C-alpha atoms as a PDB file:
ATOM      1  CA  MET A   1     -76.240  -0.032 -10.698  1.00  0.00           C
ATOM      2  CA  GLU A   2     -74.472   0.145  -7.324  1.00  0.00           C
ATOM      3  CA  ASN A   3     -75.726   3.255  -5.126  1.00  0.00           C
ATOM      4  CA  THR A   4     -73.275   5.904  -4.086  1.00  0.00           C
ATOM      5  CA  THR A   5     -73.024   4.301  -0.512  1.00  0.00           C
ATOM      6  CA  ASN A   6     -72.219   0.939  -1.703  1.00  0.00           C
ATOM      7  CA  GLN A   7     -69.601   2.279  -4.112  1.00  0.00           C
ATOM      8  CA  ASN A   8     -67.971   4.215  -1.193  1.00  0.00           C
ATOM      9  CA  GLU A   9     -67.863   0.918   0.977  1.00  0.00           C
ATOM     10  CA  ARG A  10     -66.159  -1.117  -1.805  1.00  0.00           C
ATOM     11  CA  ILE A  11     -63.737   1.758  -2.271  1.00  0.00           C
ATOM     12  CA  ASP A  12     -62.827   1.630   1.404  1.00  0.00           C
ATOM     13  CA  GLN A  13     -62.642  -2.022   1.627  1.00  0.00           C
ATOM     14  CA  MET A  14     -60.187  -1.747  -1.412  1.00  0.00           C
ATOM     15  CA  ALA A  15     -58.246   0.999   0.224  1.00  0.00           C
ATOM     16  CA  ALA A  16     -57.895  -1.224   3.402  1.00  0.00           C
ATOM     17  CA  LYS A  17     -56.941  -4.358   1.557  1.00  0.00           C
ATOM     18  CA  LEU A  18     -54.250  -1.995  -0.466  1.00  0.00           C
ATOM     19  CA  ASN A  19     -53.059  -0.745   2.854  1.00  0.00           C
ATOM     20  CA  LEU A  20     -52.515  -4.290   4.273  1.00  0.00           C
ATOM     21  CA  ILE A  21     -50.689  -5.362   1.266  1.00  0.00           C
ATOM     22  CA  GLU A  22     -48.499  -2.306   1.325  1.00  0.00           C
ATOM     23  CA  GLN A  23     -47.599  -2.974   4.940  1.00  0.00           C
ATOM     24  CA  TYR A  24     -46.792  -6.741   4.137  1.00  0.00           C
ATOM     25  CA  LEU A  25     -44.700  -5.691   1.235  1.00  0.00           C
ATOM     26  CA  PHE A  26     -42.770  -2.996   3.606  1.00  0.00           C
ATOM     27  CA  LYS A  27     -42.422  -5.948   6.320  1.00  0.00           C
ATOM     28  CA  LEU A  28     -40.859  -8.200   3.524  1.00  0.00           C
ATOM     29  CA  ALA A  29     -38.550  -5.559   2.397  1.00  0.00           C
ATOM     30  CA  LYS A  30     -37.341  -4.794   5.897  1.00  0.00           C
ATOM     31  CA  GLU A  31     -36.543  -8.336   6.512  1.00  0.00           C
ATOM     32  CA  GLY A  32     -34.904  -8.716   3.361  1.00  0.00           C
ATOM     33  CA  THR A  33     -32.716  -5.905   4.336  1.00  0.00           C
ATOM     34  CA  ASP A  34     -32.074  -7.099   7.890  1.00  0.00           C
ATOM     35  CA  LYS A  35     -31.586 -10.657   6.690  1.00  0.00           C
ATOM     36  CA  PRO A  36     -27.726 -11.386   6.928  1.00  0.00           C
ATOM     37  CA  THR A  37     -25.883 -12.357   3.513  1.00  0.00           C
ATOM     38  CA  ASP A  38     -23.410 -14.769   5.423  1.00  0.00           C
ATOM     39  CA  ALA A  39     -23.222 -17.043   2.666  1.00  0.00           C
ATOM     40  CA  ASN A  40     -21.976 -14.355   0.076  1.00  0.00           C
ATOM     41  CA  ASN A  41     -19.657 -12.696   2.290  1.00  0.00           C
ATOM     42  CA  THR A  42     -18.256 -15.529   3.809  1.00  0.00           C
ATOM     43  CA  GLU A  43     -17.151 -17.026   0.228  1.00  0.00           C
ATOM     44  CA  PHE A  44     -15.576 -13.691  -0.678  1.00  0.00           C
ATOM     45  CA  ILE A  45     -13.713 -13.338   2.717  1.00  0.00           C
ATOM     46  CA  GLU A  46     -12.390 -17.139   2.525  1.00  0.00           C
ATOM     47  CA  GLN A  47     -11.134 -16.680  -0.933  1.00  0.00           C
ATOM     48  CA  TYR A  48      -9.491 -13.199  -0.195  1.00  0.00           C
ATOM     49  CA  LEU A  49      -7.834 -14.569   2.978  1.00  0.00           C
ATOM     50  CA  ALA A  50      -6.682 -17.540   0.967  1.00  0.00           C
ATOM     51  CA  ASP A  51      -5.000 -15.328  -1.463  1.00  0.00           C
ATOM     52  CA  VAL A  52      -3.228 -13.541   1.325  1.00  0.00           C
ATOM     53  CA  SER A  53      -1.911 -16.702   2.514  1.00  0.00           C
ATOM     54  CA  ASP A  54      -0.973 -17.796  -0.970  1.00  0.00           C
ATOM     55  CA  VAL A  55       1.209 -14.572  -1.230  1.00  0.00           C
ATOM     56  CA  ALA A  56       2.958 -15.131   2.107  1.00  0.00           C
ATOM     57  CA  LYS A  57       3.697 -18.686   1.175  1.00  0.00           C
ATOM     58  CA  LYS A  58       5.451 -17.734  -2.152  1.00  0.00           C
ATOM     59  CA  VAL A  59       7.197 -14.568  -1.626  1.00  0.00           C
ATOM     60  CA  ASP A  60      10.925 -14.918  -1.631  1.00  0.00           C
ATOM     61  CA  ARG A  61      12.583 -15.129   1.720  1.00  0.00           C
ATOM     62  CA  ASN A  62      15.811 -14.538   0.578  1.00  0.00           C
ATOM     63  CA  GLU A  63      14.921 -11.069  -0.703  1.00  0.00           C
ATOM     64  CA  ILE A  64      13.259 -10.040   2.320  1.00  0.00           C
ATOM     65  CA  ASN A  65      16.487 -11.187   4.248  1.00  0.00           C
ATOM     66  CA  LYS A  66      18.736  -9.108   1.720  1.00  0.00           C
ATOM     67  CA  ALA A  67      16.495  -6.083   2.342  1.00  0.00           C
ATOM     68  CA  ILE A  68      16.765  -6.353   6.053  1.00  0.00           C
ATOM     69  CA  ASN A  69      20.554  -6.627   5.715  1.00  0.00           C
ATOM     70  CA  ILE A  70      21.046  -3.631   3.633  1.00  0.00           C
ATOM     71  CA  LEU A  71      18.987  -1.572   5.875  1.00  0.00           C
ATOM     72  CA  PHE A  72      20.895  -3.007   8.937  1.00  0.00           C
ATOM     73  CA  ASP A  73      24.312  -1.726   7.190  1.00  0.00           C
ATOM     74  CA  ALA A  74      22.824   1.697   6.654  1.00  0.00           C
ATOM     75  CA  TRP A  75      21.759   2.080  10.237  1.00  0.00           C
ATOM     76  CA  LYS A  76      25.441   0.911  11.381  1.00  0.00           C
ATOM     77  CA  ASN A  77      27.145   3.152   8.970  1.00  0.00           C
ATOM     78  CA  ASP A  78      25.033   6.405   9.575  1.00  0.00           C
ATOM     79  CA  LYS A  79      23.437   6.451   6.250  1.00  0.00           C
ATOM     80  CA  HIS A  80      20.234   7.839   4.800  1.00  0.00           C
ATOM     81  CA  VAL A  81      17.308   5.952   3.894  1.00  0.00           C
ATOM     82  CA  TYR A  82      14.677   7.542   1.457  1.00  0.00           C
ATOM     83  CA  PHE A  83      11.156   6.213   0.970  1.00  0.00           C
ATOM     84  CA  MET A  84       9.167   6.904  -1.978  1.00  0.00           C
ATOM     85  CA  GLY A  85       6.030   5.458  -3.850  1.00  0.00           C
ATOM     86  CA  CYS A  86       3.070   6.680  -6.009  1.00  0.00           C
ATOM     87  CA  GLY A  87      -0.757   6.568  -5.177  1.00  0.00           C
ATOM     88  CA  GLY A  88      -1.377   4.019  -2.290  1.00  0.00           C
ATOM     89  CA  SER A  89       2.143   3.172  -2.213  1.00  0.00           C
ATOM     90  CA  ALA A  90       2.882   6.559  -1.151  1.00  0.00           C
ATOM     91  CA  GLY A  91       1.031   6.232   1.884  1.00  0.00           C
ATOM     92  CA  THR A  92       2.973   2.950   2.730  1.00  0.00           C
ATOM     93  CA  ALA A  93       6.255   4.774   1.996  1.00  0.00           C
ATOM     94  CA  SER A  94       5.195   7.340   4.565  1.00  0.00           C
ATOM     95  CA  HIS A  95       4.549   4.915   7.021  1.00  0.00           C
ATOM     96  CA  PHE A  96       7.652   2.742   6.527  1.00  0.00           C
ATOM     97  CA  ALA A  97       9.494   6.008   6.788  1.00  0.00           C
ATOM     98  CA  ALA A  98       7.986   6.723  10.139  1.00  0.00           C
ATOM     99  CA  ASP A  99       8.366   3.402  11.567  1.00  0.00           C
ATOM    100  CA  LEU A 100      12.115   3.088  10.685  1.00  0.00           C
ATOM    101  CA  SER A 101      12.782   6.447  12.363  1.00  0.00           C
ATOM    102  CA  LYS A 102      10.739   6.071  15.667  1.00  0.00           C
ATOM    103  CA  THR A 103       9.535   2.152  15.795  1.00  0.00           C
ATOM    104  CA  THR A 104      13.178   0.789  15.704  1.00  0.00           C
ATOM    105  CA  MET A 105      14.273   3.049  18.369  1.00  0.00           C
ATOM    106  CA  CYS A 106      16.276   1.326  21.112  1.00  0.00           C
ATOM    107  CA  LYS A 107      17.444   2.925  24.600  1.00  0.00           C
ATOM    108  CA  GLY A 108      21.080   3.882  24.305  1.00  0.00           C
ATOM    109  CA  LYS A 109      21.406   3.217  20.526  1.00  0.00           C
ATOM    110  CA  LYS A 110      21.823   5.623  17.565  1.00  0.00           C
ATOM    111  CA  ARG A 111      18.721   5.992  15.388  1.00  0.00           C
ATOM    112  CA  PHE A 112      18.166   5.675  11.601  1.00  0.00           C
ATOM    113  CA  LYS A 113      18.373   8.639   9.300  1.00  0.00           C
ATOM    114  CA  SER A 114      14.798   8.096   7.808  1.00  0.00           C
ATOM    115  CA  ILE A 115      13.560  10.463   5.101  1.00  0.00           C
ATOM    116  CA  SER A 116      10.241  10.267   3.450  1.00  0.00           C
ATOM    117  CA  LEU A 117      10.037  11.791  -0.036  1.00  0.00           C
ATOM    118  CA  VAL A 118       6.103  12.013  -0.133  1.00  0.00           C
ATOM    119  CA  ASP A 119       5.346  13.986   2.556  1.00  0.00           C
ATOM    120  CA  ASN A 120       6.188  17.654   1.802  1.00  0.00           C
ATOM    121  CA  PRO A 121       3.523  18.722  -0.761  1.00  0.00           C
ATOM    122  CA  SER A 122       4.953  22.313  -1.523  1.00  0.00           C
ATOM    123  CA  LEU A 123       8.626  20.630  -2.172  1.00  0.00           C
ATOM    124  CA  MET A 124       6.954  17.930  -4.364  1.00  0.00           C
ATOM    125  CA  LEU A 125       4.942  20.269  -6.204  1.00  0.00           C
ATOM    126  CA  ALA A 126       7.762  22.819  -6.848  1.00  0.00           C
ATOM    127  CA  TRP A 127       9.771  20.078  -8.239  1.00  0.00           C
ATOM    128  CA  ILE A 128       6.955  18.628 -10.490  1.00  0.00           C
ATOM    129  CA  ASN A 129       6.088  22.314 -11.596  1.00  0.00           C
ATOM    130  CA  ASP A 130       9.621  23.397 -12.422  1.00  0.00           C
ATOM    131  CA  GLU A 131      11.392  20.036 -13.392  1.00  0.00           C
ATOM    132  CA  GLY A 132       8.710  17.581 -14.209  1.00  0.00           C
ATOM    133  CA  TRP A 133       7.064  14.694 -12.499  1.00  0.00           C
ATOM    134  CA  GLU A 134       9.945  12.285 -13.194  1.00  0.00           C
ATOM    135  CA  ASN A 135      12.412  14.386 -10.953  1.00  0.00           C
ATOM    136  CA  VAL A 136       9.988  14.626  -7.880  1.00  0.00           C
ATOM    137  CA  PHE A 137      12.111  12.222  -6.023  1.00  0.00           C
ATOM    138  CA  VAL A 138      15.591  12.513  -7.309  1.00  0.00           C
ATOM    139  CA  GLY A 139      15.734  15.981  -6.892  1.00  0.00           C
ATOM    140  CA  GLN A 140      15.013  15.696  -3.128  1.00  0.00           C
ATOM    141  CA  ILE A 141      17.506  12.945  -3.027  1.00  0.00           C
ATOM    142  CA  GLU A 142      20.270  15.032  -4.539  1.00  0.00           C
ATOM    143  CA  ASN A 143      20.065  17.616  -1.343  1.00  0.00           C
ATOM    144  CA  PHE A 144      21.339  14.558   0.948  1.00  0.00           C
ATOM    145  CA  MET A 145      23.023  11.817  -1.376  1.00  0.00           C
ATOM    146  CA  GLN A 146      26.095  10.239   0.120  1.00  0.00           C
ATOM    147  CA  PRO A 147      27.695   6.809  -0.918  1.00  0.00           C
ATOM    148  CA  GLY A 148      26.103   4.007   1.136  1.00  0.00           C
ATOM    149  CA  ASP A 149      22.601   5.639   1.263  1.00  0.00           C
ATOM    150  CA  VAL A 150      19.503   3.458   0.534  1.00  0.00           C
ATOM    151  CA  VAL A 151      16.421   4.168  -1.380  1.00  0.00           C
ATOM    152  CA  VAL A 152      13.304   2.073  -0.999  1.00  0.00           C
ATOM    153  CA  GLY A 153      10.823   2.168  -3.723  1.00  0.00           C
ATOM    154  CA  LEU A 154       7.250   0.775  -3.347  1.00  0.00           C
ATOM    155  CA  SER A 155       5.242   0.305  -6.423  1.00  0.00           C
ATOM    156  CA  VAL A 156       2.434  -2.188  -7.169  1.00  0.00           C
ATOM    157  CA  HIS A 157       3.692  -2.775 -10.814  1.00  0.00           C
ATOM    158  CA  GLY A 158       7.325  -2.369 -10.038  1.00  0.00           C
ATOM    159  CA  GLY A 159       7.786   0.793 -12.368  1.00  0.00           C
ATOM    160  CA  SER A 160       6.461  -1.221 -15.363  1.00  0.00           C
ATOM    161  CA  GLY A 161       3.174  -0.625 -17.147  1.00  0.00           C
ATOM    162  CA  LYS A 162       1.583   2.466 -18.703  1.00  0.00           C
ATOM    163  CA  GLY A 163      -1.684   4.548 -18.199  1.00  0.00           C
ATOM    164  CA  ASN A 164      -3.150   7.687 -19.184  1.00  0.00           C
ATOM    165  CA  ALA A 165       0.307   9.688 -18.324  1.00  0.00           C
ATOM    166  CA  LEU A 166       2.061   6.826 -20.384  1.00  0.00           C
ATOM    167  CA  ALA A 167       4.863   4.900 -18.381  1.00  0.00           C
ATOM    168  CA  TRP A 168       3.969   4.288 -14.483  1.00  0.00           C
ATOM    169  CA  SER A 169       6.517   5.137 -11.635  1.00  0.00           C
ATOM    170  CA  GLN A 170       9.392   6.366 -13.892  1.00  0.00           C
ATOM    171  CA  ASN A 171      10.161   8.765 -11.093  1.00  0.00           C
ATOM    172  CA  LEU A 172      10.987   5.875  -8.800  1.00  0.00           C
ATOM    173  CA  THR A 173      13.253   4.012 -11.376  1.00  0.00           C
ATOM    174  CA  LYS A 174      14.932   7.347 -12.109  1.00  0.00           C
ATOM    175  CA  ALA A 175      15.637   8.027  -8.370  1.00  0.00           C
ATOM    176  CA  MET A 176      16.593   4.375  -7.864  1.00  0.00           C
ATOM    177  CA  GLN A 177      19.189   4.436 -10.726  1.00  0.00           C
ATOM    178  CA  TYR A 178      20.689   7.692  -9.370  1.00  0.00           C
ATOM    179  CA  VAL A 179      21.189   6.351  -5.869  1.00  0.00           C
ATOM    180  CA  LYS A 180      22.969   3.266  -7.440  1.00  0.00           C
ATOM    181  CA  ASP A 181      24.959   5.406  -9.745  1.00  0.00           C
ATOM    182  CA  ASN A 182      26.265   7.538  -6.852  1.00  0.00           C
ATOM    183  CA  GLY A 183      27.326   4.569  -4.567  1.00  0.00           C
ATOM    184  CA  GLY A 184      24.176   3.802  -2.769  1.00  0.00           C
ATOM    185  CA  LYS A 185      21.781   0.668  -2.942  1.00  0.00           C
ATOM    186  CA  ALA A 186      18.145   0.405  -3.826  1.00  0.00           C
ATOM    187  CA  ILE A 187      15.320  -1.675  -2.519  1.00  0.00           C
ATOM    188  CA  GLY A 188      12.327  -2.479  -4.554  1.00  0.00           C
ATOM    189  CA  ILE A 189       9.198  -3.617  -3.062  1.00  0.00           C
ATOM    190  CA  ALA A 190       6.599  -4.552  -5.650  1.00  0.00           C
ATOM    191  CA  GLY A 191       4.010  -7.083  -6.872  1.00  0.00           C
ATOM    192  CA  PHE A 192       2.922  -8.868 -10.067  1.00  0.00           C
ATOM    193  CA  ASP A 193       5.974  -9.743 -11.900  1.00  0.00           C
ATOM    194  CA  GLY A 194       8.331  -7.317 -10.016  1.00  0.00           C
ATOM    195  CA  GLY A 195       8.579  -5.106 -13.175  1.00  0.00           C
ATOM    196  CA  ALA A 196      11.625  -2.896 -13.591  1.00  0.00           C
ATOM    197  CA  PHE A 197      12.472  -3.058  -9.749  1.00  0.00           C
ATOM    198  CA  LYS A 198      13.758  -6.713 -10.317  1.00  0.00           C
ATOM    199  CA  GLU A 199      16.607  -5.311 -12.559  1.00  0.00           C
ATOM    200  CA  LEU A 200      17.277  -2.159 -10.419  1.00  0.00           C
ATOM    201  CA  GLY A 201      17.078  -3.390  -6.907  1.00  0.00           C
ATOM    202  CA  ASP A 202      20.078  -4.776  -4.827  1.00  0.00           C
ATOM    203  CA  ALA A 203      16.949  -6.450  -3.326  1.00  0.00           C
ATOM    204  CA  CYS A 204      13.556  -6.793  -4.527  1.00  0.00           C
ATOM    205  CA  ILE A 205      10.755  -8.093  -2.671  1.00  0.00           C
ATOM    206  CA  ILE A 206       7.707  -9.208  -4.905  1.00  0.00           C
ATOM    207  CA  ALA A 207       4.157 -10.059  -3.727  1.00  0.00           C
ATOM    208  CA  PRO A 208       3.482 -12.434  -6.286  1.00  0.00           C
ATOM    209  CA  LYS A 209       0.059 -11.722  -7.170  1.00  0.00           C
ATOM    210  CA  ASP A 210      -1.716 -10.088 -10.022  1.00  0.00           C
ATOM    211  CA  SER A 211      -3.967  -7.888  -7.740  1.00  0.00           C
ATOM    212  CA  THR A 212      -3.369  -4.334  -6.450  1.00  0.00           C
ATOM    213  CA  PRO A 213      -5.290  -4.959  -3.252  1.00  0.00           C
ATOM    214  CA  LEU A 214      -3.513  -7.938  -2.433  1.00  0.00           C
ATOM    215  CA  VAL A 215      -0.185  -6.556  -3.388  1.00  0.00           C
ATOM    216  CA  GLU A 216      -0.581  -3.415  -1.507  1.00  0.00           C
ATOM    217  CA  GLY A 217      -1.925  -5.109   1.543  1.00  0.00           C
ATOM    218  CA  PHE A 218       0.930  -7.280   1.847  1.00  0.00           C
ATOM    219  CA  HIS A 219       3.607  -4.603   1.482  1.00  0.00           C
ATOM    220  CA  CYS A 220       2.366  -3.303   4.911  1.00  0.00           C
ATOM    221  CA  ASP A 221       2.948  -6.866   6.403  1.00  0.00           C
ATOM    222  CA  ILE A 222       6.440  -6.715   4.800  1.00  0.00           C
ATOM    223  CA  GLN A 223       7.256  -3.417   6.188  1.00  0.00           C
ATOM    224  CA  HIS A 224       6.235  -4.515   9.568  1.00  0.00           C
ATOM    225  CA  LEU A 225       8.206  -7.784   9.521  1.00  0.00           C
ATOM    226  CA  ILE A 226      11.350  -5.704   8.348  1.00  0.00           C
ATOM    227  CA  ILE A 227      10.823  -3.091  11.030  1.00  0.00           C
ATOM    228  CA  PHE A 228      10.485  -5.375  13.820  1.00  0.00           C
ATOM    229  CA  LYS A 229      13.290  -7.517  12.788  1.00  0.00           C
ATOM    230  CA  LEU A 230      15.460  -4.460  12.635  1.00  0.00           C
ATOM    231  CA  LYS A 231      14.304  -3.350  15.850  1.00  0.00           C
ATOM    232  CA  GLU A 232      15.448  -6.834  17.453  1.00  0.00           C
ATOM    233  CA  MET A 233      19.050  -6.533  15.668  1.00  0.00           C
ATOM    234  CA  ILE A 234      19.488  -2.999  16.853  1.00  0.00           C
ATOM    235  CA  ALA A 235      18.611  -4.005  20.526  1.00  0.00           C
ATOM    236  CA  ASN A 236      21.163  -6.960  20.273  1.00  0.00           C
ATOM    237  CA  TYR A 237      23.929  -5.329  18.583  1.00  0.00           C
ATOM    238  CA  LYS A 238      27.132  -5.016  20.294  1.00  0.00           C
ATOM    239  CA  GLU A 239      29.788  -2.334  18.879  1.00  0.00           C
END
């Protein structure tokens, strides 16, 4: 039987070996964390950008052109342009309204009457609480509506589909129908198959992809395309 001294020496040796193993495993783990994952990331990046390119190739240019001309006529005739959307599309609607109001400005020229329907929480919640979610946009439009006004609705599914709150985006389609019934025009900006916006819109720009992130991202590109073309048209317009 080993004496106590030898046992202690063996324990110390084993502890030293375990310590070395632990350090080695820690080093491997750190190297694994630091090791780039270019192969996996590159594959995802390439596929995503290929999908973006596919959307850009397939989007209907005629519908974009119609939307630009509808908005330009609204500018020429001093009409209101209303913007609305839900979820991520509300953010795009707000951005679009801001750009139409300010980015299109040209020295010596009149400006767009651009109104965002998604940026006043107190007013929106009053409408929702008192009159229901379906009236949150149409109720605001009623304060300003004149024949020739334009409403721009943004929705990934174009006012179609269902969720836990039943049919999606019925507040958008109701507001679009109201504007059309009162002598105005409606522009729909959608994705997937365009949904109800295809029937309601005087122009309907569809990002033809069954993917929420690709549709929402492409809507921002469409927004900027329209804004900077309108700015050019306003700058060159001779009354």
